[in-house]
N, C-alpha and C. Protein backbone atom coordinates (compact mmCIF):
# COMPACT_ATOMS: atom_id res chain seq x y z
N MET A 1 102.20 106.36 111.32
CA MET A 1 101.61 105.09 111.60
C MET A 1 102.56 103.95 111.22
N ILE A 2 103.16 104.03 110.06
CA ILE A 2 104.09 102.99 109.61
C ILE A 2 105.24 102.85 110.61
N GLU A 3 105.74 104.00 111.07
CA GLU A 3 106.85 103.97 112.03
C GLU A 3 106.43 103.26 113.33
N ALA A 4 105.23 103.58 113.79
CA ALA A 4 104.73 102.96 115.02
C ALA A 4 104.55 101.45 114.82
N PHE A 5 103.96 101.04 113.71
CA PHE A 5 103.77 99.61 113.45
C PHE A 5 105.11 98.89 113.34
N THR A 6 106.09 99.52 112.71
CA THR A 6 107.42 98.93 112.60
C THR A 6 108.02 98.73 113.98
N ARG A 7 107.89 99.74 114.83
CA ARG A 7 108.41 99.64 116.20
C ARG A 7 107.69 98.53 116.97
N PHE A 8 106.37 98.46 116.83
CA PHE A 8 105.60 97.42 117.53
C PHE A 8 106.04 96.02 117.10
N LYS A 9 106.32 95.85 115.81
CA LYS A 9 106.77 94.55 115.33
C LYS A 9 108.16 94.22 115.88
N LYS A 10 109.05 95.20 115.88
CA LYS A 10 110.40 94.98 116.43
C LYS A 10 110.36 94.62 117.91
N GLU A 11 109.47 95.29 118.64
CA GLU A 11 109.34 95.06 120.09
C GLU A 11 108.54 93.81 120.41
N GLY A 12 108.01 93.15 119.41
CA GLY A 12 107.23 91.94 119.64
C GLY A 12 105.80 92.22 120.10
N LYS A 13 105.37 93.46 120.02
CA LYS A 13 104.02 93.82 120.45
C LYS A 13 102.98 93.51 119.37
N ALA A 14 103.43 93.41 118.15
CA ALA A 14 102.53 93.06 117.03
C ALA A 14 103.26 92.06 116.16
N ARG A 15 102.59 90.96 115.88
CA ARG A 15 103.20 89.96 115.01
C ARG A 15 102.87 90.26 113.55
N PHE A 16 101.64 90.69 113.31
CA PHE A 16 101.18 91.04 111.97
C PHE A 16 100.47 92.38 112.04
N VAL A 17 100.56 93.16 110.97
CA VAL A 17 99.84 94.43 110.91
C VAL A 17 99.04 94.49 109.61
N GLY A 18 97.95 95.21 109.68
CA GLY A 18 97.10 95.32 108.51
C GLY A 18 96.08 96.42 108.67
N PHE A 19 95.13 96.43 107.75
CA PHE A 19 94.07 97.44 107.79
C PHE A 19 92.81 96.85 107.17
N SER A 20 91.70 97.56 107.35
CA SER A 20 90.45 97.15 106.73
C SER A 20 89.93 98.29 105.85
N THR A 21 89.12 97.92 104.87
CA THR A 21 88.56 98.92 103.96
C THR A 21 87.18 98.50 103.49
N HIS A 22 86.30 99.49 103.35
CA HIS A 22 84.95 99.27 102.83
C HIS A 22 84.80 99.87 101.43
N SER A 23 85.77 100.65 101.00
CA SER A 23 85.69 101.29 99.68
C SER A 23 87.10 101.48 99.13
N ASN A 24 87.18 101.80 97.86
CA ASN A 24 88.47 102.01 97.18
C ASN A 24 89.39 100.79 97.32
N GLN A 25 88.80 99.61 97.30
CA GLN A 25 89.56 98.39 97.54
C GLN A 25 90.71 98.21 96.56
N ALA A 26 90.45 98.40 95.27
CA ALA A 26 91.50 98.15 94.27
C ALA A 26 92.70 99.05 94.50
N ALA A 27 92.47 100.33 94.71
CA ALA A 27 93.57 101.27 94.91
C ALA A 27 94.33 100.96 96.19
N LEU A 28 93.62 100.65 97.26
CA LEU A 28 94.28 100.39 98.55
C LEU A 28 95.05 99.07 98.53
N LEU A 29 94.48 98.04 97.91
CA LEU A 29 95.20 96.77 97.82
C LEU A 29 96.46 96.91 96.96
N THR A 30 96.34 97.65 95.87
CA THR A 30 97.51 97.88 95.01
C THR A 30 98.60 98.62 95.76
N GLU A 31 98.21 99.66 96.48
CA GLU A 31 99.19 100.43 97.26
C GLU A 31 99.83 99.57 98.34
N ALA A 32 99.03 98.77 99.02
CA ALA A 32 99.57 97.88 100.06
C ALA A 32 100.57 96.90 99.46
N ALA A 33 100.25 96.36 98.29
CA ALA A 33 101.17 95.43 97.63
C ALA A 33 102.47 96.12 97.24
N ASN A 34 102.38 97.33 96.75
CA ASN A 34 103.57 98.07 96.35
C ASN A 34 104.42 98.48 97.55
N MET A 35 103.78 98.76 98.69
CA MET A 35 104.52 99.14 99.90
C MET A 35 105.29 97.96 100.48
N GLN A 36 104.75 96.78 100.33
CA GLN A 36 105.33 95.56 100.91
C GLN A 36 105.57 95.72 102.41
N PHE A 37 104.58 96.26 103.10
CA PHE A 37 104.66 96.45 104.54
C PHE A 37 103.58 95.68 105.29
N PHE A 38 102.35 95.74 104.80
CA PHE A 38 101.22 95.13 105.50
C PHE A 38 101.18 93.62 105.31
N ASP A 39 100.77 92.93 106.36
CA ASP A 39 100.68 91.48 106.33
C ASP A 39 99.29 90.98 105.95
N VAL A 40 98.27 91.78 106.26
CA VAL A 40 96.89 91.34 106.06
C VAL A 40 95.99 92.54 105.77
N VAL A 41 94.95 92.27 104.96
CA VAL A 41 93.93 93.29 104.67
C VAL A 41 92.56 92.63 104.80
N LEU A 42 91.68 93.29 105.54
CA LEU A 42 90.28 92.89 105.65
C LEU A 42 89.50 93.82 104.71
N THR A 43 88.89 93.25 103.68
CA THR A 43 88.24 94.08 102.67
C THR A 43 86.85 93.57 102.35
N SER A 44 85.95 94.47 102.03
CA SER A 44 84.62 94.04 101.62
C SER A 44 84.73 93.44 100.22
N TYR A 45 84.04 92.31 100.03
CA TYR A 45 84.06 91.64 98.73
C TYR A 45 82.87 90.70 98.66
N ASN A 46 82.11 90.78 97.58
CA ASN A 46 81.00 89.86 97.37
C ASN A 46 80.70 89.72 95.89
N PHE A 47 79.71 88.89 95.57
CA PHE A 47 79.46 88.57 94.16
C PHE A 47 79.05 89.77 93.32
N THR A 48 78.59 90.84 93.94
CA THR A 48 78.22 92.02 93.15
C THR A 48 79.46 92.69 92.55
N MET A 49 80.64 92.31 93.03
CA MET A 49 81.89 92.88 92.54
C MET A 49 82.54 92.01 91.46
N ALA A 50 81.91 90.88 91.15
CA ALA A 50 82.44 89.99 90.12
C ALA A 50 82.60 90.75 88.81
N GLY A 51 83.70 90.54 88.16
CA GLY A 51 83.95 91.21 86.88
C GLY A 51 84.65 92.54 87.00
N ASP A 52 84.92 92.97 88.22
CA ASP A 52 85.66 94.22 88.43
C ASP A 52 87.14 93.91 88.21
N LYS A 53 87.61 94.13 87.00
CA LYS A 53 88.99 93.75 86.61
C LYS A 53 90.03 94.41 87.48
N ALA A 54 89.86 95.68 87.79
CA ALA A 54 90.84 96.39 88.63
C ALA A 54 90.93 95.74 90.01
N LEU A 55 89.79 95.38 90.57
CA LEU A 55 89.78 94.75 91.90
C LEU A 55 90.38 93.35 91.83
N GLU A 56 90.01 92.59 90.82
CA GLU A 56 90.57 91.24 90.67
C GLU A 56 92.08 91.29 90.51
N ASP A 57 92.58 92.24 89.72
CA ASP A 57 94.03 92.40 89.54
C ASP A 57 94.71 92.80 90.84
N ALA A 58 94.07 93.68 91.60
CA ALA A 58 94.64 94.14 92.87
C ALA A 58 94.69 93.00 93.89
N ILE A 59 93.66 92.18 93.91
CA ILE A 59 93.64 91.02 94.81
C ILE A 59 94.77 90.06 94.45
N ALA A 60 94.93 89.78 93.16
CA ALA A 60 95.99 88.88 92.70
C ALA A 60 97.37 89.45 93.05
N LEU A 61 97.55 90.76 92.85
CA LEU A 61 98.84 91.39 93.16
C LEU A 61 99.14 91.31 94.65
N ALA A 62 98.16 91.64 95.47
CA ALA A 62 98.36 91.60 96.93
C ALA A 62 98.70 90.18 97.38
N ALA A 63 97.97 89.21 96.87
CA ALA A 63 98.23 87.81 97.23
C ALA A 63 99.63 87.39 96.78
N SER A 64 100.05 87.83 95.60
CA SER A 64 101.38 87.46 95.10
C SER A 64 102.50 88.06 95.95
N LYS A 65 102.20 89.14 96.67
CA LYS A 65 103.20 89.78 97.54
C LYS A 65 103.13 89.23 98.96
N GLY A 66 102.29 88.21 99.16
CA GLY A 66 102.22 87.56 100.47
C GLY A 66 101.27 88.21 101.46
N ILE A 67 100.42 89.10 101.00
CA ILE A 67 99.45 89.73 101.89
C ILE A 67 98.26 88.79 102.07
N GLY A 68 97.91 88.53 103.32
CA GLY A 68 96.74 87.73 103.62
C GLY A 68 95.49 88.57 103.39
N LEU A 69 94.51 87.99 102.74
CA LEU A 69 93.28 88.72 102.43
C LEU A 69 92.10 88.05 103.12
N ILE A 70 91.31 88.85 103.81
CA ILE A 70 90.10 88.36 104.47
C ILE A 70 88.93 89.15 103.90
N ALA A 71 87.92 88.44 103.44
CA ALA A 71 86.74 89.08 102.87
C ALA A 71 85.68 89.31 103.94
N MET A 72 85.08 90.49 103.91
CA MET A 72 83.93 90.77 104.77
C MET A 72 82.78 91.21 103.87
N LYS A 73 81.59 91.22 104.42
CA LYS A 73 80.39 91.59 103.66
C LYS A 73 80.24 90.69 102.44
N THR A 74 80.46 89.39 102.65
CA THR A 74 80.45 88.44 101.53
C THR A 74 79.06 88.14 101.00
N GLN A 75 78.06 88.42 101.78
CA GLN A 75 76.67 88.20 101.33
C GLN A 75 76.11 89.52 100.82
N ALA A 76 75.20 89.43 99.92
CA ALA A 76 74.52 90.63 99.43
C ALA A 76 73.02 90.39 99.53
N ARG A 77 72.29 91.43 99.67
CA ARG A 77 70.84 91.31 99.79
C ARG A 77 70.18 92.25 98.78
N PRO A 78 68.94 91.99 98.42
CA PRO A 78 68.28 92.89 97.48
C PRO A 78 68.15 94.29 98.08
N ARG A 79 68.45 95.28 97.30
CA ARG A 79 68.26 96.67 97.70
C ARG A 79 66.78 97.00 97.52
N ARG A 80 66.18 97.57 98.52
CA ARG A 80 64.77 97.90 98.45
C ARG A 80 64.61 99.42 98.48
N ARG A 81 63.56 99.88 97.85
CA ARG A 81 63.28 101.32 97.89
C ARG A 81 61.78 101.53 98.11
N ARG A 82 61.48 102.64 98.74
CA ARG A 82 60.09 102.98 99.01
C ARG A 82 59.65 104.07 98.04
N ASP A 83 58.54 103.82 97.38
CA ASP A 83 57.96 104.82 96.48
C ASP A 83 57.41 105.94 97.36
N SER A 84 57.93 107.14 97.18
CA SER A 84 57.54 108.25 98.05
C SER A 84 56.08 108.65 97.85
N ALA A 85 55.53 108.40 96.69
CA ALA A 85 54.15 108.78 96.43
C ALA A 85 53.16 107.81 97.06
N THR A 86 53.45 106.50 96.94
CA THR A 86 52.50 105.49 97.43
C THR A 86 52.89 104.90 98.77
N GLY A 87 54.18 105.04 99.14
CA GLY A 87 54.66 104.43 100.38
C GLY A 87 54.93 102.95 100.25
N VAL A 88 54.76 102.40 99.04
CA VAL A 88 54.97 100.97 98.80
C VAL A 88 56.47 100.69 98.65
N GLU A 89 56.92 99.65 99.35
CA GLU A 89 58.32 99.26 99.25
C GLU A 89 58.46 98.22 98.14
N GLU A 90 59.45 98.41 97.29
CA GLU A 90 59.65 97.48 96.17
C GLU A 90 61.13 97.21 95.97
N ALA A 91 61.41 96.04 95.39
CA ALA A 91 62.78 95.65 95.07
C ALA A 91 62.97 95.75 93.57
N PRO A 92 63.91 96.57 93.10
CA PRO A 92 64.17 96.65 91.66
C PRO A 92 64.71 95.31 91.15
N GLN A 93 64.58 95.08 89.86
CA GLN A 93 65.04 93.84 89.24
C GLN A 93 66.40 94.04 88.60
N GLY A 94 67.16 92.96 88.43
CA GLY A 94 68.45 93.02 87.77
C GLY A 94 69.59 93.16 88.76
N PRO A 95 70.83 93.15 88.24
CA PRO A 95 72.01 93.18 89.13
C PRO A 95 72.12 94.46 89.95
N GLU A 96 71.54 95.54 89.48
CA GLU A 96 71.63 96.80 90.23
C GLU A 96 70.81 96.75 91.52
N ARG A 97 70.02 95.70 91.69
CA ARG A 97 69.19 95.59 92.89
C ARG A 97 69.98 95.05 94.08
N GLN A 98 71.21 94.65 93.88
CA GLN A 98 71.99 94.05 94.96
C GLN A 98 72.81 95.07 95.70
N THR A 99 72.93 94.87 96.98
CA THR A 99 73.77 95.73 97.82
C THR A 99 74.42 94.84 98.88
N ALA A 100 75.56 95.24 99.36
CA ALA A 100 76.23 94.44 100.38
C ALA A 100 75.40 94.40 101.64
N ALA A 101 75.37 93.27 102.27
CA ALA A 101 74.59 93.11 103.51
C ALA A 101 75.26 93.79 104.67
């Protein structure tokens, strides 16, 4: 894939190359920063991820290497569950009740 993207850039078929991710964001952003190949990353990110030091460090590293970052799934909604015995749907309380929209 890297070889193909490199050829596309040389041939003028691609100006920027990147990837998207819904999971393992910290590891993938760190690897992308270390590779110094990708121009942009589309990654899921929202307030439920606040305080994730590994992810925050990976975002800072990627940005410092000139990688453009685009956030997706920026809104979160309450996670709901249905009680199997009663069939009643309820929303748990606290931060664990949030899920990406």
